[in-house]
Protein backbone atom coordinates (compact mmCIF):
# COMPACT_ATOMS: atom_id res chain seq x y z
CA MET A 1 0.00 0.00 0.00
CA LEU A 2 2.48 2.68 1.21
CA GLU A 3 6.14 2.12 0.42
CA LEU A 4 9.50 3.76 1.07
CA LYS A 5 11.92 3.05 -1.76
CA ASP A 6 15.60 3.93 -1.29
CA VAL A 7 14.57 7.01 0.72
CA THR A 8 17.35 9.32 1.90
CA TYR A 9 16.74 12.56 3.77
CA SER A 10 18.88 15.34 5.24
CA TYR A 11 17.86 18.66 6.77
CA GLN A 12 18.36 21.85 4.83
CA ASN A 13 21.97 23.16 4.97
CA LYS A 14 23.15 19.86 6.49
CA SER A 15 25.06 17.39 4.37
CA GLU A 16 24.74 14.38 6.69
CA ALA A 17 21.60 12.30 6.13
CA ILE A 18 19.40 11.42 9.14
CA PHE A 19 18.36 8.24 7.33
CA SER A 20 19.77 6.70 4.18
CA LYS A 21 18.37 4.33 1.50
CA VAL A 22 15.43 3.27 3.67
CA ASN A 23 13.17 0.60 2.17
CA TYR A 24 9.94 -0.61 3.71
CA ARG A 25 6.41 -1.56 2.62
CA PHE A 26 3.42 -0.83 4.88
CA GLU A 27 0.31 -2.98 4.43
CA LYS A 28 -3.37 -2.36 5.11
CA GLY A 29 -5.00 -3.96 8.15
CA LYS A 30 -1.90 -3.57 10.30
CA PHE A 31 -0.97 -1.31 13.23
CA TYR A 32 2.65 -0.10 12.99
CA SER A 33 4.64 1.80 15.61
CA ILE A 34 7.84 3.67 14.81
CA ILE A 35 10.21 4.13 17.75
CA GLY A 36 13.70 5.56 18.14
CA GLN A 37 15.75 8.06 20.09
CA SER A 38 14.90 11.77 20.02
CA GLY A 39 16.39 13.31 16.91
CA ALA A 40 16.42 10.03 14.97
CA GLY A 41 13.95 11.47 12.47
CA LYS A 42 10.67 9.75 13.40
CA THR A 43 8.44 12.79 12.87
CA THR A 44 10.38 13.69 9.71
CA LEU A 45 9.72 10.19 8.35
CA LEU A 46 6.02 10.61 9.13
CA SER A 47 6.07 13.93 7.23
CA LEU A 48 7.54 12.15 4.20
CA LEU A 49 4.84 9.46 4.36
CA ALA A 50 2.20 12.21 4.54
CA GLY A 51 3.65 14.18 1.64
CA LEU A 52 4.38 17.18 3.89
CA ASP A 53 7.99 16.97 2.73
CA TYR A 54 9.92 15.11 0.04
CA PRO A 55 12.99 12.85 0.34
CA LYS A 56 16.29 14.13 -1.01
CA LYS A 57 16.67 10.82 -2.83
CA GLY A 58 14.34 7.90 -3.40
CA GLN A 59 10.55 7.74 -3.59
CA VAL A 60 7.44 7.43 -1.45
CA LEU A 61 4.96 5.20 -3.30
CA PHE A 62 1.23 4.67 -2.87
CA ASN A 63 0.03 1.50 -4.57
CA GLY A 64 3.24 1.50 -6.59
CA GLU A 65 2.93 5.10 -7.81
CA ASN A 66 5.15 8.00 -6.71
CA ILE A 67 3.02 10.40 -4.60
CA LYS A 68 4.62 13.30 -6.52
CA LYS A 69 2.85 12.20 -9.69
CA LYS A 70 -0.53 13.51 -8.59
CA SER A 71 0.96 16.04 -6.12
CA SER A 72 1.44 15.82 -2.36
CA SER A 73 -1.80 17.72 -1.70
CA TYR A 74 -3.74 15.06 -3.64
CA HIS A 75 -1.98 12.37 -1.58
CA ARG A 76 -2.93 14.07 1.71
CA ARG A 77 -6.51 14.72 0.57
CA HIS A 78 -7.26 11.20 -0.69
CA HIS A 79 -4.76 8.75 0.80
CA VAL A 80 -3.80 9.81 4.34
CA ALA A 81 -5.41 11.19 7.48
CA LEU A 82 -3.30 12.81 10.20
CA VAL A 83 -3.72 12.60 13.98
CA PHE A 84 -1.53 14.91 16.05
CA GLN A 85 -0.44 14.95 19.69
CA ASN A 86 -1.92 18.46 20.12
CA TYR A 87 -5.17 17.50 18.28
CA ASN A 88 -5.19 20.58 15.95
CA LEU A 89 -8.93 21.11 16.37
CA ILE A 90 -10.70 24.39 15.59
CA ASP A 91 -11.24 25.63 19.11
CA TYR A 92 -14.44 27.61 18.59
CA LEU A 93 -16.31 24.72 16.92
CA THR A 94 -18.07 21.68 18.35
CA PRO A 95 -16.72 18.13 17.80
CA LEU A 96 -19.32 17.49 15.09
CA GLU A 97 -18.48 20.75 13.33
CA ASN A 98 -14.77 19.86 13.44
CA VAL A 99 -15.48 16.47 11.89
CA ARG A 100 -17.64 17.98 9.16
CA LEU A 101 -14.78 20.23 8.07
CA VAL A 102 -13.31 17.03 6.60
CA ASN A 103 -16.57 15.43 5.43
CA LYS A 104 -19.65 17.66 5.34
CA ASN A 105 -21.90 14.59 5.34
CA ALA A 106 -20.34 13.11 8.49
CA ASP A 107 -22.81 11.82 11.06
CA LYS A 108 -22.46 12.17 14.84
CA LYS A 109 -22.62 8.37 15.02
CA ILE A 110 -18.86 8.21 14.46
CA LEU A 111 -18.31 10.35 17.58
CA SER A 112 -20.72 8.19 19.59
CA GLU A 113 -18.80 5.06 18.53
CA LEU A 114 -15.65 6.67 19.90
CA GLY A 115 -17.23 7.28 23.31
CA LEU A 116 -18.64 10.84 23.22
CA ASP A 117 -22.18 11.40 24.49
CA GLU A 118 -24.78 13.80 23.07
CA LYS A 119 -23.78 16.74 25.28
CA GLN A 120 -20.08 16.36 24.52
CA ILE A 121 -20.74 16.15 20.78
CA ASN A 122 -22.51 19.52 20.81
CA ARG A 123 -20.27 21.53 23.14
CA ASN A 124 -17.18 23.59 22.29
CA VAL A 125 -14.10 21.35 21.89
CA LEU A 126 -12.21 23.40 24.49
CA GLN A 127 -14.77 22.18 27.02
CA LEU A 128 -13.63 18.57 26.43
CA SER A 129 -10.87 16.68 28.20
CA GLY A 130 -7.62 15.83 26.41
CA GLY A 131 -8.77 12.26 25.79
CA GLN A 132 -12.10 13.45 24.38
CA GLN A 133 -10.37 15.95 22.08
CA GLN A 134 -8.09 13.17 20.81
CA ARG A 135 -11.18 11.07 20.06
CA VAL A 136 -12.51 13.97 17.97
CA ALA A 137 -9.19 14.12 16.09
CA ILE A 138 -9.43 10.37 15.41
CA ALA A 139 -13.06 10.72 14.26
CA ARG A 140 -11.93 13.42 11.86
CA ALA A 141 -9.34 10.99 10.47
CA LEU A 142 -11.95 8.23 10.10
CA VAL A 143 -14.54 10.25 8.17
CA SER A 144 -11.91 11.23 5.62
CA GLU A 145 -12.14 7.64 4.33
CA ALA A 146 -8.39 7.71 3.75
CA PRO A 147 -6.87 4.20 3.81
CA ILE A 148 -3.84 5.33 5.82
CA ILE A 149 -3.82 6.87 9.31
CA LEU A 150 -0.62 8.65 10.38
CA ALA A 151 -0.41 9.60 14.07
CA ASP A 152 2.38 11.58 15.75
CA GLU A 153 2.56 10.82 19.50
CA PRO A 154 -1.25 10.52 19.82
CA THR A 155 -1.03 9.50 23.50
CA GLY A 156 1.75 11.90 24.50
CA ASN A 157 -0.49 14.35 26.40
CA LEU A 158 -2.88 11.81 27.92
CA ASP A 159 -3.13 10.01 31.25
CA ASP A 160 -2.52 6.23 31.34
CA GLU A 161 -6.17 5.13 31.22
CA THR A 162 -7.12 7.46 28.39
CA ALA A 163 -3.98 6.46 26.49
CA LYS A 164 -5.06 2.80 26.69
CA ASP A 165 -8.45 3.74 25.22
CA ILE A 166 -6.82 5.60 22.32
CA ILE A 167 -4.48 2.65 21.63
CA ALA A 168 -7.48 0.30 21.54
CA ILE A 169 -9.26 2.62 19.08
CA LEU A 170 -6.22 2.71 16.78
CA LYS A 171 -6.00 -1.09 16.84
CA ARG A 172 -9.68 -1.37 15.90
CA MET A 173 -9.13 1.06 13.02
CA ALA A 174 -6.51 -1.30 11.60
CA LEU A 175 -8.36 -4.55 12.27
CA ASP A 176 -12.03 -3.69 11.73
CA ARG A 177 -11.69 -1.02 9.05
CA GLN A 178 -8.59 -2.47 7.37
CA LYS A 179 -6.72 0.81 7.70
CA CYS A 180 -2.95 1.04 7.57
CA VAL A 181 -2.21 2.74 10.93
CA ILE A 182 1.30 4.14 11.45
CA VAL A 183 2.14 5.74 14.82
CA VAL A 184 5.29 7.57 15.87
CA THR A 185 5.73 7.07 19.61
CA HIS A 186 8.00 6.98 22.65
CA SER A 187 5.45 4.88 24.54
CA LYS A 188 6.30 1.26 25.31
CA GLU A 189 2.57 0.55 25.71
CA VAL A 190 1.84 1.72 22.16
CA ALA A 191 4.76 -0.30 20.77
CA GLN A 192 3.68 -3.45 22.63
CA ALA A 193 0.12 -3.10 21.33
CA SER A 194 1.15 -2.71 17.68
CA ASP A 195 1.35 -5.51 15.13
CA VAL A 196 4.75 -4.40 13.87
CA VAL A 197 7.43 -2.40 15.71
CA LEU A 198 9.88 -0.42 13.54
CA GLU A 199 12.94 1.30 14.97
CA LEU A 200 14.82 4.20 13.37
CA LYS A 201 18.41 3.38 14.24
CA LYS A 202 21.73 4.09 12.54
CA LYS A 203 19.93 5.81 9.64
CA GLN A 204 17.84 2.69 8.91
CA LEU A 205 14.27 1.58 9.59
CA ILE A 206 14.57 -1.81 11.26
CA GLU A 207 11.70 -4.20 11.96
CA LYS A 208 12.11 -5.57 15.47
CA LYS A 209 11.68 -9.31 15.89
CA ASN A 210 9.81 -10.39 19.01
CA LYS A 211 10.36 -14.10 18.49
CA GLU A 212 14.12 -14.10 18.90
CA ARG A 213 14.17 -14.58 22.67
CA THR A 214 11.61 -17.41 22.53
CA LEU A 215 13.72 -19.20 19.91
CA MET A 216 16.85 -18.67 21.99
CA PHE A 217 15.36 -20.33 25.05
CA ARG A 218 13.92 -23.15 22.92
CA ASN A 219 17.37 -23.88 21.53
CA ALA A 220 18.84 -23.78 25.02
CA PHE A 221 16.32 -26.33 26.30
CA ALA A 222 16.91 -28.62 23.29
CA TYR A 223 20.66 -28.46 23.92
CA ILE A 224 20.22 -29.43 27.59
CA THR A 225 18.03 -32.43 26.77
CA ARG A 226 20.52 -33.67 24.20
CA LYS A 227 23.67 -33.06 26.23
CA TRP A 228 23.03 -34.63 29.64
CA SER A 229 26.74 -34.62 30.37
CA LYS A 230 26.69 -30.85 30.57
CA SER A 231 23.48 -30.53 32.59
CA LEU A 232 25.39 -30.30 35.88
CA LEU A 233 27.36 -27.36 34.52
CA LEU A 234 24.11 -25.69 33.44
CA LEU A 235 22.55 -26.23 36.86
CA THR A 236 25.63 -24.75 38.57
CA ILE A 237 25.41 -21.63 36.43
CA ILE A 238 21.69 -21.22 37.11
CA LEU A 239 22.27 -21.56 40.86
CA LEU A 240 25.04 -18.97 40.66
CA MET A 241 22.77 -16.56 38.80
CA SER A 242 19.98 -17.10 41.35
CA THR A 243 22.41 -16.41 44.19
CA LEU A 244 23.57 -13.20 42.53
CA SER A 245 19.93 -12.13 41.99
CA LEU A 246 19.15 -12.61 45.69
CA LEU A 247 22.30 -10.72 46.57
CA GLY A 248 21.23 -7.89 44.26
CA LEU A 249 17.84 -7.66 45.97
CA ALA A 250 19.48 -7.53 49.39
CA MET A 251 21.94 -4.83 48.33
CA ARG A 252 19.22 -2.78 46.66
CA SER A 253 17.18 -2.84 49.86
CA ALA A 254 20.23 -1.81 51.87
CA THR A 255 20.85 1.19 49.59
CA GLN A 256 17.21 2.33 49.48
CA GLU A 257 17.66 4.92 52.23
CA ALA A 258 20.80 6.32 50.61
CA ALA A 259 19.02 6.52 47.26
CA SER A 260 16.12 8.40 48.82
CA LYS A 261 18.49 11.01 50.27
CA SER A 262 20.46 11.36 47.04
CA LEU A 263 17.34 11.75 44.93
CA GLY A 264 15.88 14.48 47.09
CA ALA A 265 16.72 17.07 44.44
CA ILE A 266 14.89 15.17 41.66
CA THR A 267 11.33 16.30 41.02
CA ASN A 268 7.98 14.70 40.34
CA SER A 269 5.14 16.74 38.90
CA PHE A 270 1.37 16.96 38.63
CA SER A 271 -0.90 19.39 36.82
CA MET A 272 -3.95 21.39 37.85
CA GLN A 273 -6.61 21.86 35.15
CA ILE A 274 -10.28 22.66 34.89
CA ASN A 275 -12.66 19.69 34.71
CA ARG A 276 -14.18 20.01 31.24
CA ASN A 277 -17.06 17.75 32.22
CA THR A 278 -18.36 20.24 34.79
CA ASN A 279 -16.55 23.50 34.04
CA PRO A 280 -16.91 25.08 30.55
CA GLY A 281 -14.10 27.56 31.28
CA THR A 282 -14.01 31.14 30.04
CA PRO A 283 -16.43 32.46 27.39
CA ARG A 284 -13.80 31.58 24.77
CA GLY A 285 -13.34 28.11 26.31
CA ALA A 286 -9.95 28.65 27.98
CA GLY A 287 -9.09 27.60 31.53
CA ASN A 288 -10.37 29.69 34.44
CA LEU A 289 -8.17 28.67 37.37
CA LYS A 290 -7.70 31.27 40.12
CA GLY A 291 -4.24 32.59 40.82
CA GLU A 292 -4.85 32.44 44.57
CA ASP A 293 -5.63 28.69 44.37
CA ILE A 294 -2.43 28.03 42.43
CA LYS A 295 -0.49 30.07 44.99
CA LYS A 296 -1.84 28.04 47.93
CA ILE A 297 -0.60 24.78 46.45
CA SER A 298 2.71 26.38 45.38
CA GLU A 299 3.44 27.47 48.95
CA THR A 300 2.78 24.00 50.42
CA LYS A 301 5.70 22.13 51.93
CA GLY A 302 7.21 19.69 49.43
CA ILE A 303 6.39 21.78 46.33
CA VAL A 304 9.66 23.17 44.94
CA SER A 305 8.47 25.06 41.84
CA THR A 306 5.40 25.87 39.73
CA ILE A 307 4.79 26.54 36.05
CA LYS A 308 1.57 28.45 35.31
CA ARG A 309 0.09 29.64 32.01
CA ILE A 310 -2.32 32.34 30.89
CA ASN A 311 -4.15 31.87 27.57
CA GLY A 312 -5.11 35.05 25.74
CA ILE A 313 -5.04 37.19 22.61
CA GLY A 314 -3.78 40.70 21.84
CA ASP A 315 -3.35 43.04 18.89
CA LEU A 316 0.10 43.78 17.44
CA LEU A 317 0.25 47.51 16.76
CA ASP A 318 1.96 49.02 13.70
CA TYR A 319 3.04 45.65 12.28
CA GLU A 320 1.43 42.91 10.18
CA ILE A 321 0.64 39.34 11.18
CA ILE A 322 1.20 36.31 8.92
CA GLU A 323 -1.58 35.37 6.49
CA THR A 324 -1.79 32.52 3.99
CA GLU A 325 -3.96 32.06 0.93
CA GLN A 326 -6.16 29.69 2.93
CA THR A 327 -6.60 32.00 5.94
CA LEU A 328 -7.47 34.94 3.70
CA GLN A 329 -10.13 32.87 1.92
CA ASN A 330 -11.74 32.01 5.26
CA GLN A 331 -11.70 35.59 6.55
CA SER A 332 -15.08 37.28 6.74
CA PRO A 333 -15.29 41.11 6.52
CA GLU A 334 -16.24 41.24 10.23
CA ARG A 335 -13.31 39.06 11.26
CA ALA A 336 -10.93 41.07 9.08
CA LYS A 337 -12.09 44.21 10.86
CA ASN A 338 -12.01 42.91 14.44
CA PHE A 339 -9.00 40.58 14.34
CA LYS A 340 -6.83 41.93 11.54
CA SER A 341 -3.70 42.23 13.71
CA THR A 342 -4.60 39.79 16.50
CA LEU A 343 -2.06 37.29 17.88
CA MET A 344 -2.46 34.34 20.24
CA LEU A 345 -0.66 34.88 23.56
CA THR A 346 0.68 32.34 26.04
CA GLY A 347 1.80 33.95 29.29
CA VAL A 348 4.18 31.73 31.27
CA ASN A 349 6.66 32.15 34.10
CA ASP A 350 9.29 29.84 32.54
CA SER A 351 9.06 29.42 28.77
CA SER A 352 11.62 26.59 28.70
CA LYS A 353 8.99 24.40 30.39
CA GLU A 354 6.04 25.54 28.24
CA ASP A 355 4.34 22.54 26.58
CA LYS A 356 5.28 23.26 22.97
CA PHE A 357 8.94 23.88 23.82
CA VAL A 358 9.07 20.66 25.87
CA SER A 359 7.43 18.64 23.07
CA GLY A 360 9.74 20.10 20.41
CA ALA A 361 6.97 21.84 18.46
CA TYR A 362 8.74 25.13 19.26
CA LYS A 363 12.52 25.57 19.39
CA LEU A 364 14.37 28.63 20.68
CA VAL A 365 16.72 29.73 17.87
CA GLU A 366 17.97 33.09 19.18
CA GLY A 367 18.04 34.96 22.48
CA GLU A 368 16.98 33.58 25.86
CA HIS A 369 13.94 31.94 27.45
CA LEU A 370 11.54 33.91 29.67
CA THR A 371 11.81 33.50 33.46
CA ASP A 372 9.63 34.52 36.39
CA LYS A 373 11.77 37.65 36.81
CA ASP A 374 10.86 39.03 33.38
CA HIS A 375 8.38 41.88 32.83
CA ASN A 376 7.26 43.25 29.46
CA GLN A 377 9.27 40.61 27.59
CA ILE A 378 8.20 38.28 24.76
CA LEU A 379 9.39 35.45 22.54
CA MET A 380 8.38 35.95 18.89
CA HIS A 381 8.27 33.44 16.03
CA GLU A 382 11.18 33.97 13.64
CA GLY A 383 8.77 34.06 10.68
CA LEU A 384 6.76 36.96 12.15
CA ALA A 385 9.94 38.79 13.08
CA LYS A 386 11.38 38.38 9.56
CA LYS A 387 8.16 39.61 7.89
CA ASN A 388 8.32 42.84 9.94
CA GLY A 389 12.10 43.31 10.02
CA LEU A 390 12.28 42.79 13.80
CA ASN A 391 15.20 41.44 15.85
CA VAL A 392 15.99 40.42 19.41
CA GLY A 393 16.09 43.57 21.54
CA ASP A 394 13.50 45.47 19.45
CA LYS A 395 10.37 46.82 21.10
CA VAL A 396 6.77 46.40 19.91
CA LYS A 397 3.39 47.36 21.36
CA LEU A 398 0.55 44.97 22.26
CA LYS A 399 -3.03 46.14 22.80
CA SER A 400 -6.11 44.58 24.38
CA ASN A 401 -8.69 43.34 21.87
CA LEU A 402 -12.14 44.75 22.69
CA TYR A 403 -13.87 42.06 20.60
CA ASP A 404 -12.31 39.21 22.59
CA ALA A 405 -15.07 37.30 24.44
CA ASP A 406 -12.68 36.77 27.36
CA ASN A 407 -12.09 40.52 27.77
CA GLU A 408 -15.01 40.78 30.19
CA LYS A 409 -13.56 43.83 31.93
CA ARG A 410 -13.43 45.67 28.58
CA ALA A 411 -9.77 46.38 29.27
CA ASP A 412 -8.16 48.76 26.77
CA GLU A 413 -4.51 48.45 27.74
CA THR A 414 -1.39 49.03 25.63
CA VAL A 415 1.86 47.35 26.73
CA GLU A 416 5.28 48.00 25.21
CA VAL A 417 7.34 44.81 25.23
CA THR A 418 10.89 43.81 24.29
CA ILE A 419 11.69 40.81 22.11
CA LYS A 420 13.88 38.60 24.32
CA GLY A 421 14.13 35.67 21.92
CA LEU A 422 12.99 34.10 18.66
CA PHE A 423 11.61 30.59 18.18
CA SER A 424 10.86 28.31 15.24
CA GLY A 425 8.11 25.78 14.58
CA GLN A 426 5.63 24.94 11.83
CA ASN A 427 2.03 23.71 11.92
CA GLN A 428 1.82 20.10 10.83
CA ALA A 429 -1.75 20.41 9.52
CA ALA A 430 -3.79 22.90 7.54
CA VAL A 431 -5.25 25.85 9.45
CA THR A 432 -8.45 27.82 8.96
CA TYR A 433 -7.62 31.19 10.50
CA ALA A 434 -4.42 33.19 10.83
CA GLN A 435 -4.44 33.00 14.64
CA GLU A 436 -3.97 29.21 14.43
CA LEU A 437 -0.56 29.62 12.77
CA TYR A 438 2.44 29.08 15.03
CA GLU A 439 3.92 32.20 13.43
CA ASN A 440 1.12 34.28 14.99
CA THR A 441 1.77 33.16 18.57
CA LEU A 442 3.68 35.19 21.14
CA ILE A 443 5.09 33.74 24.37
CA THR A 444 4.92 36.48 27.02
CA ASP A 445 5.73 36.93 30.67
CA LEU A 446 2.79 36.55 33.05
CA ASP A 447 2.59 40.24 33.88
CA THR A 448 2.10 41.24 30.22
CA ALA A 449 -0.57 38.59 29.54
CA ALA A 450 -2.48 39.55 32.70
CA LYS A 451 -2.31 43.31 32.09
CA LEU A 452 -3.94 43.05 28.62
CA TYR A 453 -7.06 41.79 30.41
CA GLY A 454 -6.95 44.43 33.13
CA ASN A 455 -5.50 42.00 35.69
CA THR A 456 -2.40 41.48 37.76
CA VAL A 457 -0.50 38.20 38.15
CA GLU A 458 -2.46 37.66 41.38
CA THR A 459 -5.94 38.36 39.94
CA ALA A 460 -5.45 36.80 36.50
CA THR A 461 -7.33 33.77 35.20
CA TYR A 462 -5.01 30.84 34.40
CA GLU A 463 -5.21 28.11 31.75
CA ASP A 464 -3.44 25.51 33.91
CA ALA A 465 -0.52 24.97 36.30
CA THR A 466 2.11 22.28 36.81
CA PHE A 467 3.59 21.69 40.28
CA PHE A 468 6.99 20.08 40.88
CA ALA A 469 7.72 18.18 44.09
CA LYS A 470 10.95 16.71 45.44
CA GLY A 471 11.89 13.24 44.22
CA ASP A 472 11.45 11.67 47.65
CA GLN A 473 7.82 12.87 47.84
CA ASN A 474 4.97 10.42 47.16
CA ILE A 475 3.13 12.22 44.38
CA ASP A 476 -0.08 10.21 44.81
CA SER A 477 -0.24 11.12 48.51
CA LEU A 478 0.27 14.80 47.67
CA ILE A 479 -2.55 14.75 45.11
CA ALA A 480 -4.85 12.96 47.56
CA ARG A 481 -4.10 15.60 50.22
CA PHE A 482 -4.81 18.51 47.85
CA LYS A 483 -8.03 16.91 46.62
CA SER A 484 -9.36 17.10 50.18
CA TRP A 485 -9.01 20.89 50.14
CA THR A 486 -12.13 22.93 49.44
CA LEU A 487 -10.42 24.80 46.58
CA ILE A 488 -10.22 21.51 44.61
CA GLY A 489 -13.93 21.13 43.85
CA PRO A 490 -15.74 19.34 41.01
CA SER A 491 -14.70 22.08 38.58
CA THR A 492 -10.97 21.33 39.00
CA ILE A 493 -8.86 18.20 38.50
CA LEU A 494 -5.32 17.22 39.48
CA LEU A 495 -3.42 14.89 37.14
CA ARG A 496 -0.16 13.10 37.80
CA VAL A 497 2.37 13.96 35.06
CA HIS A 498 5.32 11.75 35.86
CA GLN A 499 7.52 10.54 38.68
CA THR A 500 11.14 11.01 37.77
CA THR A 501 12.30 9.19 40.88
CA LEU A 502 11.21 5.86 39.45
CA LEU A 503 13.84 6.16 36.75
CA TYR A 504 16.60 6.21 39.30
CA ARG A 505 15.54 3.67 41.92
CA ASN A 506 18.04 1.08 40.71
CA LEU A 507 21.13 3.21 41.23
CA PHE A 508 24.13 2.29 43.41
CA LEU A 509 25.46 -1.20 44.09
CA GLY A 510 22.13 -3.00 43.69
CA CYS A 511 21.94 -1.81 40.09
CA ILE A 512 25.52 -2.92 39.42
CA VAL A 513 24.75 -6.42 40.66
CA TRP A 514 21.69 -6.62 38.40
CA GLN A 515 23.85 -5.62 35.43
CA ILE A 516 26.34 -8.40 36.28
CA VAL A 517 23.48 -10.92 36.36
CA CYS A 518 22.21 -9.77 32.96
CA LEU A 519 25.70 -9.95 31.45
CA LEU A 520 26.15 -13.48 32.79
CA GLU A 521 22.80 -14.50 31.33
CA VAL A 522 23.66 -13.09 27.90
CA SER A 523 27.12 -14.68 27.95
CA PHE A 524 25.62 -18.02 28.94
CA LEU A 525 23.09 -17.96 26.10
CA GLN A 526 25.75 -16.96 23.57
CA VAL A 527 28.11 -19.76 24.64
CA TYR A 528 25.67 -22.62 25.22
CA CYS A 529 22.81 -21.89 22.82
């Protein structure tokens, strides 16, 4: 169905290829996962399969025909459907309206089959949870009737239970609908659930074989039954390995207290968000957390730092925003008048930990990140800066937008800000309006974002917050304690993000002993099997 033929790719202005002469054929009715280290080129490979980019050498074929023959846009329109980690939904439309952007005859039945009820189908998508929004994105892919589904980290922003649901849906798409489902992922759970696991390694796409270990042990058992004279030697080795394993457990237990002390500086984290099932958010559908509630949790013993975000819009005075042919076609006279120079704003107290920078969607290319000490500072997209001849250190003016539904105070503020840094990043899917373009997003300090709505950092309304605790803290106990507070009502939820400590629990001598055991096991199998 979809085939890579001698595909080689290198980034612009870089001579070294990230993958070279890759050959692979994807078939319908199968669920593929592509894994590999960060920077290996997984998302780039997905872009090539989608026709968002072309290989430097080689071909991408659909049913034996080069996708260039009928153009990449034809390939994307008729052959592939894309599902992104950040959903890429139109935030002022309902789930059904989002789905009908792809197929105007789409029925709400497809959303019901994916687990959305009648109320959820007809409410603004920003009033849905992350898992529900991802289901809408998958429904949009299904109604396109494309035979190939390409998904980039579709479970990356979801909790464990919701991620399992999304994995199950993707598997059903391959099995029941005979789709070719290809997922780029870092998740072991996604890889284990897939029919075929492919790894980008050493510039090649390698299909991982799961039967090798079973065959190895089968050969070992056959050898033992044939060579009784060496059984005693085998038994001795197994006893030695068992002894070392028990010793490793004992040593790990003995070093547990030391590990706990050493890992005190490592952090776990959990997020605070609005509950979309009971809380519709602001008039525009953004989060409406109170700054005072975030502050109470931040000042609790065990919490070492907090990242909080304000979602807003503002007008860029005296300069032009980025428009495309598509966004201009979709612009009504009223929208052109009211939002001609409007940008999306994300106010944050540490931009290096803002979601899109962490995920790699944005990358700082010049200047410095914003910190909690900054006031009247912004990060601007390099494309917007280039269009207007702006550089790091230049000043621009931002103004409140009186037509913004979230500007309930009718604030009419003008704030002069300095460009502290420039970032890069491109949308991976088509957009409807100019404000959806990454180029038309500014990252600001909290004070600037709050002031445009007539607020201070203390009185502002927040999209969400992430709290970091010391590595020796039990994150589940912390969440349970905060949930008992009156400020955490039915309109707010706390979600565990990760627990870094678990990655380091096997440090010290106990870990070394386990490594010795594994090396002995591998050596034994190589010698005797």
